[in-house]
Amino acid sequence: MSLIDKLITEIDNGLKFSTQNYQKESRDYPAKDINEDNLTEIERSVSASLMRINHAGEVSAQGLYRGQALTARLEGTREKMDEAAQEELDHLAWCNKRLEELNEEPSVFNPIWYGLSFTMGALAGIAGDKWSLGFVHETEEQVVKHLETHLDKIPESDKKTAAILEQMAIDEAHHSEEALQSGATELPDNVKKLMSGVAKVMTKSSYYV
């Protein structure tokens, strides 16, 4: 495909990932064997808000990986990004399913997060494969910390959400380590702070809508 064709395909993917719950997980739903607890209205609201943030994060992950895959210079790096994006689709599907179980909707800002993440991923890919892998490493490091924080915040009785977040944290840590072993370059501190700042904006806005 030409570059224009690829961009059109990615725009279509972005709209689907950020506005539709059509993708299916390739791995079992981590909470499938856990009975739904009788959460109070407040507990349900807290869990739903946190899962809305995690869903927005997974939409962003799709944008990041697909943007990097588009501009990666080495075929091996491109394949790693495509593989990681496919694995992250499981997380996206799990978050979608949990939101449905909690009778909540994803964030209305998801198309914006996808577009920003895709752009950042594409720029990282243009900068070079080692920088691109460094971007993945740092992103996943921040995501793991973010998930651990959410595990402390969800209601103790919400075992289903906990099971999902625990598996996601394991997967994200693996992606981070894999990027490091593949030759990731450590990002400058100012870039890390910028990434953290963008994540905070997404977190605060997605918590409510």
C-alpha atoms as a PDB file:
ATOM      1  CA  MET A   1       0.000   0.000   0.000  1.00  0.00           C
ATOM      2  CA  SER A   2       1.045   3.594  -0.585  1.00  0.00           C
ATOM      3  CA  LEU A   3       1.635   5.931   2.374  1.00  0.00           C
ATOM      4  CA  ILE A   4      -1.757   7.569   1.748  1.00  0.00           C
ATOM      5  CA  ASP A   5      -3.473   4.164   1.780  1.00  0.00           C
ATOM      6  CA  LYS A   6      -1.721   3.275   5.033  1.00  0.00           C
ATOM      7  CA  LEU A   7      -2.779   6.563   6.639  1.00  0.00           C
ATOM      8  CA  ILE A   8      -6.392   6.038   5.579  1.00  0.00           C
ATOM      9  CA  THR A   9      -6.280   2.528   7.047  1.00  0.00           C
ATOM     10  CA  GLU A  10      -4.900   3.853  10.331  1.00  0.00           C
ATOM     11  CA  ILE A  11      -7.540   6.589  10.537  1.00  0.00           C
ATOM     12  CA  ASP A  12     -10.184   3.898  10.067  1.00  0.00           C
ATOM     13  CA  ASN A  13      -8.541   1.746  12.755  1.00  0.00           C
ATOM     14  CA  GLY A  14      -8.373   4.708  15.102  1.00  0.00           C
ATOM     15  CA  LEU A  15     -12.084   5.412  14.756  1.00  0.00           C
ATOM     16  CA  LYS A  16     -12.929   1.771  15.366  1.00  0.00           C
ATOM     17  CA  PHE A  17     -10.647   1.334  18.370  1.00  0.00           C
ATOM     18  CA  SER A  18     -11.775   4.561  20.021  1.00  0.00           C
ATOM     19  CA  THR A  19     -15.521   4.511  19.322  1.00  0.00           C
ATOM     20  CA  GLN A  20     -16.603   0.870  18.892  1.00  0.00           C
ATOM     21  CA  ASN A  21     -16.449  -2.319  20.939  1.00  0.00           C
ATOM     22  CA  TYR A  22     -16.021  -4.693  18.037  1.00  0.00           C
ATOM     23  CA  GLN A  23     -12.656  -6.348  18.700  1.00  0.00           C
ATOM     24  CA  LYS A  24     -12.481  -9.788  20.323  1.00  0.00           C
ATOM     25  CA  GLU A  25      -9.831 -10.949  22.744  1.00  0.00           C
ATOM     26  CA  SER A  26      -7.508 -13.780  21.732  1.00  0.00           C
ATOM     27  CA  ARG A  27      -6.956 -14.753  25.363  1.00  0.00           C
ATOM     28  CA  ASP A  28      -9.535 -15.610  27.988  1.00  0.00           C
ATOM     29  CA  TYR A  29     -11.154 -12.795  29.952  1.00  0.00           C
ATOM     30  CA  PRO A  30      -9.257 -12.730  33.281  1.00  0.00           C
ATOM     31  CA  ALA A  31     -12.485 -12.260  35.268  1.00  0.00           C
ATOM     32  CA  LYS A  32     -14.545 -14.918  33.488  1.00  0.00           C
ATOM     33  CA  ASP A  33     -14.656 -17.324  36.464  1.00  0.00           C
ATOM     34  CA  ILE A  34     -15.224 -14.655  39.105  1.00  0.00           C
ATOM     35  CA  ASN A  35     -18.754 -13.981  40.271  1.00  0.00           C
ATOM     36  CA  GLU A  36     -19.966 -10.414  40.231  1.00  0.00           C
ATOM     37  CA  ASP A  37     -20.008  -9.002  43.746  1.00  0.00           C
ATOM     38  CA  ASN A  38     -22.872  -6.884  44.994  1.00  0.00           C
ATOM     39  CA  LEU A  39     -21.086  -3.566  44.706  1.00  0.00           C
ATOM     40  CA  THR A  40     -22.685  -0.488  46.180  1.00  0.00           C
ATOM     41  CA  GLU A  41     -23.552   2.350  43.807  1.00  0.00           C
ATOM     42  CA  ILE A  42     -20.514   4.309  44.992  1.00  0.00           C
ATOM     43  CA  GLU A  43     -18.184   1.296  44.596  1.00  0.00           C
ATOM     44  CA  ARG A  44     -19.532   0.619  41.113  1.00  0.00           C
ATOM     45  CA  SER A  45     -19.009   4.257  40.159  1.00  0.00           C
ATOM     46  CA  VAL A  46     -15.402   4.231  41.388  1.00  0.00           C
ATOM     47  CA  SER A  47     -14.570   1.014  39.518  1.00  0.00           C
ATOM     48  CA  ALA A  48     -16.248   2.258  36.348  1.00  0.00           C
ATOM     49  CA  SER A  49     -14.356   5.556  36.423  1.00  0.00           C
ATOM     50  CA  LEU A  50     -11.029   3.785  36.886  1.00  0.00           C
ATOM     51  CA  MET A  51     -11.799   1.313  34.100  1.00  0.00           C
ATOM     52  CA  ARG A  52     -12.741   4.205  31.824  1.00  0.00           C
ATOM     53  CA  ILE A  53      -9.237   5.572  32.384  1.00  0.00           C
ATOM     54  CA  ASN A  54      -7.674   2.170  31.654  1.00  0.00           C
ATOM     55  CA  HIS A  55      -9.769   1.821  28.519  1.00  0.00           C
ATOM     56  CA  ALA A  56      -8.569   5.241  27.331  1.00  0.00           C
ATOM     57  CA  GLY A  57      -5.029   4.093  28.058  1.00  0.00           C
ATOM     58  CA  GLU A  58      -5.487   1.027  25.872  1.00  0.00           C
ATOM     59  CA  VAL A  59      -6.909   3.140  23.052  1.00  0.00           C
ATOM     60  CA  SER A  60      -3.783   5.297  23.374  1.00  0.00           C
ATOM     61  CA  ALA A  61      -1.586   2.181  23.326  1.00  0.00           C
ATOM     62  CA  GLN A  62      -3.096   1.178  20.005  1.00  0.00           C
ATOM     63  CA  GLY A  63      -2.326   4.614  18.595  1.00  0.00           C
ATOM     64  CA  LEU A  64       1.229   4.530  19.945  1.00  0.00           C
ATOM     65  CA  TYR A  65       2.130   1.102  18.598  1.00  0.00           C
ATOM     66  CA  ARG A  66       0.433   1.552  15.247  1.00  0.00           C
ATOM     67  CA  GLY A  67       2.084   4.932  14.755  1.00  0.00           C
ATOM     68  CA  GLN A  68       5.480   3.424  15.519  1.00  0.00           C
ATOM     69  CA  ALA A  69       4.863   0.453  13.241  1.00  0.00           C
ATOM     70  CA  LEU A  70       4.047   2.839  10.393  1.00  0.00           C
ATOM     71  CA  THR A  71       7.379   4.681  10.584  1.00  0.00           C
ATOM     72  CA  ALA A  72       9.738   2.028  12.002  1.00  0.00           C
ATOM     73  CA  ARG A  73      12.873   1.684   9.874  1.00  0.00           C
ATOM     74  CA  LEU A  74      13.696  -1.963  10.533  1.00  0.00           C
ATOM     75  CA  GLU A  75      11.325  -4.785   9.634  1.00  0.00           C
ATOM     76  CA  GLY A  76      12.047  -6.534  12.942  1.00  0.00           C
ATOM     77  CA  THR A  77      11.024  -3.448  14.939  1.00  0.00           C
ATOM     78  CA  ARG A  78       7.885  -3.035  12.834  1.00  0.00           C
ATOM     79  CA  GLU A  79       6.928  -6.626  13.538  1.00  0.00           C
ATOM     80  CA  LYS A  80       7.451  -6.138  17.278  1.00  0.00           C
ATOM     81  CA  MET A  81       5.186  -3.093  17.251  1.00  0.00           C
ATOM     82  CA  ASP A  82       2.499  -4.936  15.302  1.00  0.00           C
ATOM     83  CA  GLU A  83       2.732  -7.860  17.728  1.00  0.00           C
ATOM     84  CA  ALA A  84       2.504  -5.586  20.762  1.00  0.00           C
ATOM     85  CA  ALA A  85      -0.516  -3.787  19.282  1.00  0.00           C
ATOM     86  CA  GLN A  86      -2.231  -7.133  18.773  1.00  0.00           C
ATOM     87  CA  GLU A  87      -1.572  -8.146  22.379  1.00  0.00           C
ATOM     88  CA  GLU A  88      -2.899  -4.800  23.599  1.00  0.00           C
ATOM     89  CA  LEU A  89      -6.158  -5.521  21.771  1.00  0.00           C
ATOM     90  CA  ASP A  90      -6.835  -8.110  24.478  1.00  0.00           C
ATOM     91  CA  HIS A  91      -6.573  -5.377  27.087  1.00  0.00           C
ATOM     92  CA  LEU A  92      -8.861  -3.121  25.088  1.00  0.00           C
ATOM     93  CA  ALA A  93     -11.448  -5.889  24.777  1.00  0.00           C
ATOM     94  CA  TRP A  94     -11.218  -6.703  28.496  1.00  0.00           C
ATOM     95  CA  CYS A  95     -11.694  -3.040  29.462  1.00  0.00           C
ATOM     96  CA  ASN A  96     -14.648  -2.757  27.097  1.00  0.00           C
ATOM     97  CA  LYS A  97     -16.243  -5.842  28.600  1.00  0.00           C
ATOM     98  CA  ARG A  98     -15.770  -4.675  32.177  1.00  0.00           C
ATOM     99  CA  LEU A  99     -17.254  -1.265  31.363  1.00  0.00           C
ATOM    100  CA  GLU A 100     -20.291  -3.000  29.886  1.00  0.00           C
ATOM    101  CA  GLU A 101     -20.630  -5.123  33.019  1.00  0.00           C
ATOM    102  CA  LEU A 102     -20.544  -1.943  35.104  1.00  0.00           C
ATOM    103  CA  ASN A 103     -23.120  -0.302  32.786  1.00  0.00           C
ATOM    104  CA  GLU A 104     -20.748   2.489  31.800  1.00  0.00           C
ATOM    105  CA  GLU A 105     -19.495   3.998  28.536  1.00  0.00           C
ATOM    106  CA  PRO A 106     -15.903   4.663  27.376  1.00  0.00           C
ATOM    107  CA  SER A 107     -14.499   8.195  27.438  1.00  0.00           C
ATOM    108  CA  VAL A 108     -15.790  10.579  24.771  1.00  0.00           C
ATOM    109  CA  PHE A 109     -12.219  11.867  24.414  1.00  0.00           C
ATOM    110  CA  ASN A 110     -10.853   8.548  23.114  1.00  0.00           C
ATOM    111  CA  PRO A 111     -10.515   9.664  19.460  1.00  0.00           C
ATOM    112  CA  ILE A 112      -8.347  12.575  20.657  1.00  0.00           C
ATOM    113  CA  TRP A 113      -6.113  10.295  22.742  1.00  0.00           C
ATOM    114  CA  TYR A 114      -5.737   7.905  19.809  1.00  0.00           C
ATOM    115  CA  GLY A 115      -4.772  10.706  17.435  1.00  0.00           C
ATOM    116  CA  LEU A 116      -2.228  12.214  19.832  1.00  0.00           C
ATOM    117  CA  SER A 117      -0.700   8.830  20.639  1.00  0.00           C
ATOM    118  CA  PHE A 118      -0.507   7.841  16.971  1.00  0.00           C
ATOM    119  CA  THR A 119       1.294  11.089  16.172  1.00  0.00           C
ATOM    120  CA  MET A 120       3.739  10.640  19.058  1.00  0.00           C
ATOM    121  CA  GLY A 121       4.373   7.034  18.019  1.00  0.00           C
ATOM    122  CA  ALA A 122       4.988   7.995  14.403  1.00  0.00           C
ATOM    123  CA  LEU A 123       7.437  10.718  15.463  1.00  0.00           C
ATOM    124  CA  ALA A 124       9.250   8.279  17.745  1.00  0.00           C
ATOM    125  CA  GLY A 125       9.559   5.859  14.835  1.00  0.00           C
ATOM    126  CA  ILE A 126      10.964   8.583  12.609  1.00  0.00           C
ATOM    127  CA  ALA A 127      13.557   9.434  15.284  1.00  0.00           C
ATOM    128  CA  GLY A 128      14.923   5.896  15.030  1.00  0.00           C
ATOM    129  CA  ASP A 129      14.180   2.391  16.195  1.00  0.00           C
ATOM    130  CA  LYS A 130      16.172   2.628  19.437  1.00  0.00           C
ATOM    131  CA  TRP A 131      14.325   5.808  20.405  1.00  0.00           C
ATOM    132  CA  SER A 132      11.048   4.208  19.405  1.00  0.00           C
ATOM    133  CA  LEU A 133      11.755   1.205  21.636  1.00  0.00           C
ATOM    134  CA  GLY A 134      12.808   3.601  24.404  1.00  0.00           C
ATOM    135  CA  PHE A 135       9.436   5.280  24.079  1.00  0.00           C
ATOM    136  CA  VAL A 136       7.731   1.899  24.501  1.00  0.00           C
ATOM    137  CA  HIS A 137       9.863   1.038  27.517  1.00  0.00           C
ATOM    138  CA  GLU A 138       9.098   4.306  29.303  1.00  0.00           C
ATOM    139  CA  THR A 139       5.407   4.215  28.388  1.00  0.00           C
ATOM    140  CA  GLU A 140       4.960   0.725  29.757  1.00  0.00           C
ATOM    141  CA  GLU A 141       6.946   1.574  32.893  1.00  0.00           C
ATOM    142  CA  GLN A 142       4.528   4.423  33.578  1.00  0.00           C
ATOM    143  CA  VAL A 143       1.516   2.248  32.772  1.00  0.00           C
ATOM    144  CA  VAL A 144       2.577  -0.428  35.270  1.00  0.00           C
ATOM    145  CA  LYS A 145       2.848   2.192  38.031  1.00  0.00           C
ATOM    146  CA  HIS A 146      -0.519   3.579  37.003  1.00  0.00           C
ATOM    147  CA  LEU A 147      -2.141   0.120  37.165  1.00  0.00           C
ATOM    148  CA  GLU A 148      -0.626  -0.569  40.572  1.00  0.00           C
ATOM    149  CA  THR A 149      -2.141   2.693  41.811  1.00  0.00           C
ATOM    150  CA  HIS A 150      -5.544   1.663  40.478  1.00  0.00           C
ATOM    151  CA  LEU A 151      -5.285  -1.705  42.188  1.00  0.00           C
ATOM    152  CA  ASP A 152      -4.978   0.198  45.465  1.00  0.00           C
ATOM    153  CA  LYS A 153      -7.963   2.411  44.636  1.00  0.00           C
ATOM    154  CA  ILE A 154     -10.589  -0.066  43.429  1.00  0.00           C
ATOM    155  CA  PRO A 155     -13.087  -1.304  46.027  1.00  0.00           C
ATOM    156  CA  GLU A 156     -11.786  -4.359  47.884  1.00  0.00           C
ATOM    157  CA  SER A 157     -14.927  -6.302  46.957  1.00  0.00           C
ATOM    158  CA  ASP A 158     -14.445  -5.766  43.189  1.00  0.00           C
ATOM    159  CA  LYS A 159     -12.488  -8.936  42.435  1.00  0.00           C
ATOM    160  CA  LYS A 160     -13.336  -8.894  38.717  1.00  0.00           C
ATOM    161  CA  THR A 161     -11.712  -5.539  38.048  1.00  0.00           C
ATOM    162  CA  ALA A 162      -8.704  -6.523  40.177  1.00  0.00           C
ATOM    163  CA  ALA A 163      -8.150  -9.688  38.141  1.00  0.00           C
ATOM    164  CA  ILE A 164      -8.177  -7.712  34.890  1.00  0.00           C
ATOM    165  CA  LEU A 165      -5.760  -5.049  36.120  1.00  0.00           C
ATOM    166  CA  GLU A 166      -3.372  -7.625  37.571  1.00  0.00           C
ATOM    167  CA  GLN A 167      -3.076  -9.444  34.244  1.00  0.00           C
ATOM    168  CA  MET A 168      -2.694  -6.181  32.357  1.00  0.00           C
ATOM    169  CA  ALA A 169       0.156  -5.148  34.681  1.00  0.00           C
ATOM    170  CA  ILE A 170       1.951  -8.438  34.009  1.00  0.00           C
ATOM    171  CA  ASP A 171       1.639  -7.966  30.249  1.00  0.00           C
ATOM    172  CA  GLU A 172       2.760  -4.331  30.315  1.00  0.00           C
ATOM    173  CA  ALA A 173       5.830  -5.170  32.402  1.00  0.00           C
ATOM    174  CA  HIS A 174       6.711  -7.839  29.830  1.00  0.00           C
ATOM    175  CA  HIS A 175       6.399  -5.314  26.970  1.00  0.00           C
ATOM    176  CA  SER A 176       8.637  -2.887  28.859  1.00  0.00           C
ATOM    177  CA  GLU A 177      11.321  -5.508  29.469  1.00  0.00           C
ATOM    178  CA  GLU A 178      11.132  -6.777  25.893  1.00  0.00           C
ATOM    179  CA  ALA A 179      11.699  -3.259  24.535  1.00  0.00           C
ATOM    180  CA  LEU A 180      14.699  -2.841  26.829  1.00  0.00           C
ATOM    181  CA  GLN A 181      16.233  -6.126  25.722  1.00  0.00           C
ATOM    182  CA  SER A 182      15.665  -5.178  22.069  1.00  0.00           C
ATOM    183  CA  GLY A 183      17.953  -2.157  22.396  1.00  0.00           C
ATOM    184  CA  ALA A 184      15.781   0.648  23.761  1.00  0.00           C
ATOM    185  CA  THR A 185      17.504   3.981  24.398  1.00  0.00           C
ATOM    186  CA  GLU A 186      16.763   5.720  27.715  1.00  0.00           C
ATOM    187  CA  LEU A 187      14.639   8.799  27.081  1.00  0.00           C
ATOM    188  CA  PRO A 188      15.723  12.234  28.371  1.00  0.00           C
ATOM    189  CA  ASP A 189      14.090  13.352  31.634  1.00  0.00           C
ATOM    190  CA  ASN A 190      12.221  16.228  29.976  1.00  0.00           C
ATOM    191  CA  VAL A 191      10.582  13.770  27.548  1.00  0.00           C
ATOM    192  CA  LYS A 192       9.587  11.513  30.447  1.00  0.00           C
ATOM    193  CA  LYS A 193       8.043  14.476  32.259  1.00  0.00           C
ATOM    194  CA  LEU A 194       6.134  15.482  29.126  1.00  0.00           C
ATOM    195  CA  MET A 195       4.771  11.948  28.762  1.00  0.00           C
ATOM    196  CA  SER A 196       3.758  11.914  32.417  1.00  0.00           C
ATOM    197  CA  GLY A 197       2.024  15.286  32.039  1.00  0.00           C
ATOM    198  CA  VAL A 198       0.005  14.131  29.040  1.00  0.00           C
ATOM    199  CA  ALA A 199      -0.971  10.978  30.944  1.00  0.00           C
ATOM    200  CA  LYS A 200      -2.246  13.077  33.857  1.00  0.00           C
ATOM    201  CA  VAL A 201      -4.451  15.154  31.565  1.00  0.00           C
ATOM    202  CA  MET A 202      -5.888  11.978  30.035  1.00  0.00           C
ATOM    203  CA  THR A 203      -6.423  10.412  33.455  1.00  0.00           C
ATOM    204  CA  LYS A 204      -8.266  13.360  34.944  1.00  0.00           C
ATOM    205  CA  SER A 205     -10.538  13.925  31.951  1.00  0.00           C
ATOM    206  CA  SER A 206     -11.331  10.241  31.310  1.00  0.00           C
ATOM    207  CA  TYR A 207     -12.244   9.641  34.957  1.00  0.00           C
ATOM    208  CA  TYR A 208     -15.442  11.645  34.488  1.00  0.00           C
ATOM    209  CA  VAL A 209     -16.390  11.452  30.782  1.00  0.00           C
END
